[in-house]
Amino acid sequence: MIDAYVVTSHAERQMVRRNLDIDLVYGILAAPEQWFEVGPGRVVLLLVDIERRPPEVITVYRSSKIWKYWKHMP
């Protein structure tokens, strides 16, 4: 759970461009189903740089290929 964060202007533009509701984004930040590290201090929920204080939402996107990112739990 990430309860304090900054949404970058790039991420805000992507929400508008991709027609993603801000409440959906906030809901994912509050209760992500999964997240995984893609580099030091950078995880995918949306794309959040957790190395920054507070963490920064860098971008948001919608994918029909979520299976590429989803980790299957045993």
C-alpha atoms as a PDB file:
ATOM      1  CA  MET A   1       0.000   0.000   0.000  1.00  0.00           C
ATOM      2  CA  ILE A   2       1.223   3.460  -0.884  1.00  0.00           C
ATOM      3  CA  ASP A   3      -0.606   6.146   1.038  1.00  0.00           C
ATOM      4  CA  ALA A   4       1.556   9.195   0.270  1.00  0.00           C
ATOM      5  CA  TYR A   5       2.694   9.862  -3.286  1.00  0.00           C
ATOM      6  CA  VAL A   6       3.107  12.455  -6.002  1.00  0.00           C
ATOM      7  CA  VAL A   7       1.428  12.083  -9.392  1.00  0.00           C
ATOM      8  CA  THR A   8       3.715  13.585 -12.038  1.00  0.00           C
ATOM      9  CA  SER A   9       2.334  15.840 -14.751  1.00  0.00           C
ATOM     10  CA  HIS A  10       3.255  13.141 -17.294  1.00  0.00           C
ATOM     11  CA  ALA A  11       1.128  10.584 -15.418  1.00  0.00           C
ATOM     12  CA  GLU A  12      -1.768  13.065 -15.256  1.00  0.00           C
ATOM     13  CA  ARG A  13      -1.579  13.623 -19.028  1.00  0.00           C
ATOM     14  CA  GLN A  14      -1.518   9.854 -19.609  1.00  0.00           C
ATOM     15  CA  MET A  15      -4.632   9.405 -17.450  1.00  0.00           C
ATOM     16  CA  VAL A  16      -6.480  11.912 -19.636  1.00  0.00           C
ATOM     17  CA  ARG A  17      -5.067  10.531 -22.892  1.00  0.00           C
ATOM     18  CA  ARG A  18      -5.877   6.942 -21.987  1.00  0.00           C
ATOM     19  CA  ASN A  19      -9.230   7.802 -20.417  1.00  0.00           C
ATOM     20  CA  LEU A  20      -8.276   6.338 -17.031  1.00  0.00           C
ATOM     21  CA  ASP A  21     -10.325   7.487 -14.076  1.00  0.00           C
ATOM     22  CA  ILE A  22      -8.283   9.074 -11.289  1.00  0.00           C
ATOM     23  CA  ASP A  23     -10.263   7.089  -8.686  1.00  0.00           C
ATOM     24  CA  LEU A  24      -9.146   3.862 -10.378  1.00  0.00           C
ATOM     25  CA  VAL A  25      -5.521   4.990 -10.153  1.00  0.00           C
ATOM     26  CA  TYR A  26      -5.920   5.951  -6.485  1.00  0.00           C
ATOM     27  CA  GLY A  27      -7.599   2.609  -5.793  1.00  0.00           C
ATOM     28  CA  ILE A  28      -4.656   0.719  -7.295  1.00  0.00           C
ATOM     29  CA  LEU A  29      -2.221   2.750  -5.222  1.00  0.00           C
ATOM     30  CA  ALA A  30      -4.232   2.064  -2.054  1.00  0.00           C
ATOM     31  CA  ALA A  31      -4.591  -1.683  -2.639  1.00  0.00           C
ATOM     32  CA  PRO A  32      -2.446  -3.123  -5.454  1.00  0.00           C
ATOM     33  CA  GLU A  33      -3.186  -6.744  -6.277  1.00  0.00           C
ATOM     34  CA  GLN A  34       0.437  -7.302  -7.322  1.00  0.00           C
ATOM     35  CA  TRP A  35       3.589  -5.355  -7.831  1.00  0.00           C
ATOM     36  CA  PHE A  36       7.047  -6.238  -8.969  1.00  0.00           C
ATOM     37  CA  GLU A  37      10.392  -4.533  -9.169  1.00  0.00           C
ATOM     38  CA  VAL A  38      11.604  -3.537 -12.639  1.00  0.00           C
ATOM     39  CA  GLY A  39      14.778  -1.831 -11.470  1.00  0.00           C
ATOM     40  CA  PRO A  40      16.381  -0.482  -8.329  1.00  0.00           C
ATOM     41  CA  GLY A  41      13.748   1.581  -6.537  1.00  0.00           C
ATOM     42  CA  ARG A  42      11.181   1.223  -9.349  1.00  0.00           C
ATOM     43  CA  VAL A  43       8.133  -1.038  -9.210  1.00  0.00           C
ATOM     44  CA  VAL A  44       5.194  -1.671 -11.495  1.00  0.00           C
ATOM     45  CA  LEU A  45       1.728  -1.057 -10.102  1.00  0.00           C
ATOM     46  CA  LEU A  46       1.192   1.727 -12.495  1.00  0.00           C
ATOM     47  CA  LEU A  47       4.797   2.782 -12.686  1.00  0.00           C
ATOM     48  CA  VAL A  48       5.870   4.131  -9.351  1.00  0.00           C
ATOM     49  CA  ASP A  49       9.344   5.273  -8.420  1.00  0.00           C
ATOM     50  CA  ILE A  50       9.485   4.173  -4.787  1.00  0.00           C
ATOM     51  CA  GLU A  51      13.049   5.370  -4.371  1.00  0.00           C
ATOM     52  CA  ARG A  52      11.752   8.951  -4.270  1.00  0.00           C
ATOM     53  CA  ARG A  53      10.251  10.392  -1.107  1.00  0.00           C
ATOM     54  CA  PRO A  54       7.330  10.519  -1.415  1.00  0.00           C
ATOM     55  CA  PRO A  55       7.016   7.887  -4.176  1.00  0.00           C
ATOM     56  CA  GLU A  56       6.175   9.259  -7.645  1.00  0.00           C
ATOM     57  CA  VAL A  57       3.613   7.899 -10.072  1.00  0.00           C
ATOM     58  CA  ILE A  58       5.593   8.209 -13.292  1.00  0.00           C
ATOM     59  CA  THR A  59       3.027   6.971 -15.815  1.00  0.00           C
ATOM     60  CA  VAL A  60      -0.175   5.005 -16.151  1.00  0.00           C
ATOM     61  CA  TYR A  61      -1.287   2.714 -18.927  1.00  0.00           C
ATOM     62  CA  ARG A  62      -3.970   0.238 -19.873  1.00  0.00           C
ATOM     63  CA  SER A  63      -2.890  -3.118 -21.254  1.00  0.00           C
ATOM     64  CA  SER A  64      -4.810  -5.946 -22.835  1.00  0.00           C
ATOM     65  CA  LYS A  65      -1.648  -8.016 -22.357  1.00  0.00           C
ATOM     66  CA  ILE A  66      -1.613  -7.969 -18.558  1.00  0.00           C
ATOM     67  CA  TRP A  67      -0.556 -11.639 -18.644  1.00  0.00           C
ATOM     68  CA  LYS A  68       2.892 -10.413 -19.700  1.00  0.00           C
ATOM     69  CA  TYR A  69       3.273  -8.678 -16.348  1.00  0.00           C
ATOM     70  CA  TRP A  70       1.125 -10.761 -14.037  1.00  0.00           C
ATOM     71  CA  LYS A  71       2.967 -13.139 -11.738  1.00  0.00           C
ATOM     72  CA  HIS A  72       1.145 -16.402 -11.306  1.00  0.00           C
ATOM     73  CA  MET A  73       1.084 -17.475  -7.707  1.00  0.00           C
ATOM     74  CA  PRO A  74       1.513 -21.189  -6.900  1.00  0.00           C
END
